[in-house]
Amino acid sequence: NLKTDRRAKLGLFLGFQYPEEIPGLRFGSFLRTLAVEMRGDKTPLSQFYSNVKENLKKLDLDEAFLSRSLNEGFSGGEKKRAEIVQLLTAKPKFAVLDETDSGLDVDALKIVSSAINEVRGSDVGIILITHYQRILKYVKADYVHVLIDGRIVKSGDASLADEVEKTGYEALRPVQATT
């Protein structure tokens, strides 16, 4: 029952399937506020922006993005990469990434996956929601859960994603009892 800001301050990060455009909110200002409010970052501004610029470089985004409005005019791939910059800045305890692979070409997918793996290597739990196996070629899943109609119908290791790719979701749909 916690409000969104309280959840964030406790270390929860949410990546959206369709990140919103927020005209007038500079991306750089947003990142600074995110770091200060979410994790109490007191890093001097020059060092903070130096770190952010490194993260932008990792995600193949130009520094000019810092002065642009959040997601406004960004392509789908730029929105997703900018969201991963947010993840790197937030340094959450837990992240839910909803279809992060949506709208990414293969090069952007590799870049985003590399950054997710960097975060994943620390003490951060990640739920990566996807409908396709392609991101799992680059981000190794510890566990795979298949949800159908809001219920987990099967769980397993990374090989479950291969099974779903071969057989589809319908093969895992529970059989309806007939009377």
Protein backbone atom coordinates (compact mmCIF):
# COMPACT_ATOMS: atom_id res chain seq x y z
CA ASN A 1 0.00 0.00 0.00
CA LEU A 2 3.01 2.30 -0.19
CA LYS A 3 3.02 5.30 -2.51
CA THR A 4 5.29 5.18 -5.53
CA ASP A 5 7.91 7.53 -4.08
CA ARG A 6 8.18 5.44 -0.89
CA ARG A 7 8.65 2.28 -2.94
CA ALA A 8 11.41 3.97 -4.92
CA LYS A 9 13.14 5.20 -1.76
CA LEU A 10 13.12 1.62 -0.49
CA GLY A 11 15.01 0.62 -3.64
CA LEU A 12 12.40 -0.42 -6.22
CA PHE A 13 12.94 0.60 -9.86
CA LEU A 14 10.31 0.10 -12.54
CA GLY A 15 11.14 0.15 -16.23
CA PHE A 16 8.11 0.70 -18.43
CA GLN A 17 7.06 -1.01 -21.64
CA TYR A 18 6.21 2.42 -23.05
CA PRO A 19 8.22 5.12 -21.23
CA GLU A 20 6.27 8.38 -21.01
CA GLU A 21 7.37 11.66 -22.52
CA ILE A 22 7.56 14.47 -19.97
CA PRO A 23 7.92 17.81 -21.77
CA GLY A 24 9.84 20.45 -19.83
CA LEU A 25 11.65 18.03 -17.51
CA ARG A 26 15.29 17.91 -18.56
CA PHE A 27 16.70 14.41 -18.61
CA GLY A 28 19.84 15.51 -16.72
CA SER A 29 17.78 17.18 -13.98
CA PHE A 30 15.59 14.11 -13.73
CA LEU A 31 18.62 11.86 -13.27
CA ARG A 32 20.03 14.08 -10.53
CA THR A 33 16.69 14.18 -8.70
CA LEU A 34 16.38 10.41 -9.10
CA ALA A 35 19.78 9.83 -7.51
CA VAL A 36 19.19 12.27 -4.65
CA GLU A 37 15.64 11.19 -3.85
CA MET A 38 16.01 7.46 -4.41
CA ARG A 39 19.32 6.84 -2.71
CA GLY A 40 20.36 10.09 -1.04
CA ASP A 41 23.25 10.69 -3.45
CA LYS A 42 25.42 13.59 -2.24
CA THR A 43 28.03 13.28 -4.98
CA PRO A 44 29.26 16.71 -6.12
CA LEU A 45 27.53 17.78 -9.37
CA SER A 46 30.68 17.63 -11.48
CA GLN A 47 31.41 14.04 -10.39
CA PHE A 48 27.74 13.06 -10.71
CA TYR A 49 27.53 14.29 -14.30
CA SER A 50 30.87 12.67 -15.10
CA ASN A 51 29.37 9.34 -13.95
CA VAL A 52 26.16 9.98 -15.92
CA LYS A 53 28.18 10.74 -19.06
CA GLU A 54 29.98 7.39 -18.66
CA ASN A 55 26.57 5.69 -18.44
CA LEU A 56 25.34 7.55 -21.52
CA LYS A 57 28.43 6.34 -23.39
CA LYS A 58 27.73 2.74 -22.29
CA LEU A 59 24.23 3.05 -23.75
CA ASP A 60 25.46 4.78 -26.93
CA LEU A 61 23.57 8.01 -26.16
CA ASP A 62 24.95 11.46 -26.85
CA GLU A 63 25.53 13.87 -23.94
CA ALA A 64 23.04 16.21 -25.64
CA PHE A 65 20.27 13.98 -24.26
CA LEU A 66 20.91 15.50 -20.82
CA SER A 67 19.49 18.84 -21.92
CA ARG A 68 16.48 17.36 -23.74
CA SER A 69 13.06 16.84 -22.17
CA LEU A 70 12.63 13.36 -20.70
CA ASN A 71 11.82 10.98 -23.58
CA GLU A 72 10.36 13.80 -25.69
CA GLY A 73 11.23 13.15 -29.32
CA PHE A 74 13.28 10.08 -28.41
CA SER A 75 12.95 7.07 -30.69
CA GLY A 76 11.65 3.87 -29.11
CA GLY A 77 15.19 2.53 -28.79
CA GLU A 78 16.45 5.80 -27.31
CA LYS A 79 13.69 5.71 -24.69
CA LYS A 80 14.68 2.20 -23.68
CA ARG A 81 18.39 3.06 -23.54
CA ALA A 82 17.62 6.24 -21.56
CA GLU A 83 15.62 4.11 -19.14
CA ILE A 84 18.64 1.88 -18.58
CA VAL A 85 20.70 5.02 -17.87
CA GLN A 86 18.08 5.73 -15.21
CA LEU A 87 18.56 2.20 -13.84
CA LEU A 88 22.33 2.69 -13.67
CA THR A 89 21.82 6.05 -11.94
CA ALA A 90 19.21 4.78 -9.48
CA LYS A 91 21.27 1.80 -8.32
CA PRO A 92 18.16 0.11 -6.94
CA LYS A 93 17.89 -2.98 -4.77
CA PHE A 94 15.29 -4.46 -7.08
CA ALA A 95 14.22 -3.70 -10.66
CA VAL A 96 11.18 -4.75 -12.65
CA LEU A 97 11.91 -4.26 -16.35
CA ASP A 98 8.77 -4.55 -18.46
CA GLU A 99 9.55 -5.53 -22.05
CA THR A 100 12.85 -3.69 -22.13
CA ASP A 101 13.57 -5.42 -25.44
CA SER A 102 10.49 -3.97 -27.11
CA GLY A 103 11.42 -1.65 -29.97
CA LEU A 104 15.14 -2.40 -29.88
CA ASP A 105 17.14 -3.35 -32.95
CA VAL A 106 19.80 -6.02 -32.52
CA ASP A 107 22.61 -3.54 -31.83
CA ALA A 108 20.60 -1.64 -29.20
CA LEU A 109 19.52 -4.97 -27.69
CA LYS A 110 23.16 -5.95 -27.17
CA ILE A 111 23.99 -2.55 -25.65
CA VAL A 112 21.01 -2.63 -23.27
CA SER A 113 21.68 -6.25 -22.33
CA SER A 114 25.29 -5.46 -21.50
CA ALA A 115 24.17 -2.71 -19.10
CA ILE A 116 21.56 -4.99 -17.51
CA ASN A 117 24.27 -7.60 -16.98
CA GLU A 118 26.44 -4.95 -15.33
CA VAL A 119 23.66 -4.12 -12.86
CA ARG A 120 22.73 -7.76 -12.44
CA GLY A 121 26.27 -8.58 -11.35
CA SER A 122 25.81 -6.57 -8.18
CA ASP A 123 23.33 -7.08 -5.35
CA VAL A 124 20.33 -6.15 -7.47
CA GLY A 125 17.38 -8.43 -8.06
CA ILE A 126 15.83 -8.13 -11.51
CA ILE A 127 12.57 -9.34 -12.96
CA LEU A 128 12.85 -9.07 -16.72
CA ILE A 129 9.47 -9.36 -18.42
CA THR A 130 9.55 -10.37 -22.07
CA HIS A 131 7.47 -12.16 -24.68
CA TYR A 132 10.48 -13.19 -26.74
CA GLN A 133 13.62 -15.15 -26.10
CA ARG A 134 15.93 -12.81 -28.00
CA ILE A 135 17.03 -10.71 -24.98
CA LEU A 136 17.74 -13.94 -23.10
CA LYS A 137 20.52 -14.65 -25.60
CA TYR A 138 22.38 -11.78 -23.97
CA VAL A 139 20.99 -11.68 -20.42
CA LYS A 140 21.21 -15.11 -18.82
CA ALA A 141 18.15 -15.87 -16.74
CA ASP A 142 18.60 -17.62 -13.41
CA TYR A 143 14.93 -18.57 -13.42
CA VAL A 144 12.19 -18.45 -16.03
CA HIS A 145 8.52 -18.29 -15.13
CA VAL A 146 5.77 -18.53 -17.72
CA LEU A 147 2.62 -16.57 -16.90
CA ILE A 148 -0.64 -17.27 -18.68
CA ASP A 149 -3.81 -15.44 -17.70
CA GLY A 150 -2.01 -13.91 -14.71
CA ARG A 151 -0.81 -17.22 -13.24
CA ILE A 152 2.55 -18.93 -13.26
CA VAL A 153 1.97 -22.13 -15.20
CA LYS A 154 5.57 -23.34 -15.36
CA SER A 155 8.93 -22.44 -13.84
CA GLY A 156 12.41 -23.61 -14.65
CA ASP A 157 15.91 -22.61 -15.59
CA ALA A 158 16.96 -20.78 -18.74
CA SER A 159 16.17 -23.83 -20.87
CA LEU A 160 12.46 -23.18 -20.30
CA ALA A 161 12.75 -20.10 -22.53
CA ASP A 162 14.12 -22.36 -25.29
CA GLU A 163 11.18 -24.72 -24.81
CA VAL A 164 8.67 -21.87 -25.10
CA GLU A 165 10.43 -20.62 -28.24
CA LYS A 166 10.04 -24.07 -29.83
CA THR A 167 6.54 -25.01 -28.67
CA GLY A 168 4.88 -21.66 -27.99
CA TYR A 169 2.84 -20.63 -24.99
CA GLU A 170 -0.23 -22.66 -25.95
CA ALA A 171 1.61 -25.91 -25.22
CA LEU A 172 1.91 -24.75 -21.60
CA ARG A 173 -1.68 -23.52 -21.21
CA PRO A 174 -3.48 -25.53 -18.50
CA VAL A 175 -6.12 -27.88 -19.81
CA GLN A 176 -9.64 -26.70 -18.93
CA ALA A 177 -11.73 -29.29 -17.12
CA THR A 178 -14.92 -30.26 -18.93
CA THR A 179 -18.10 -31.36 -17.23
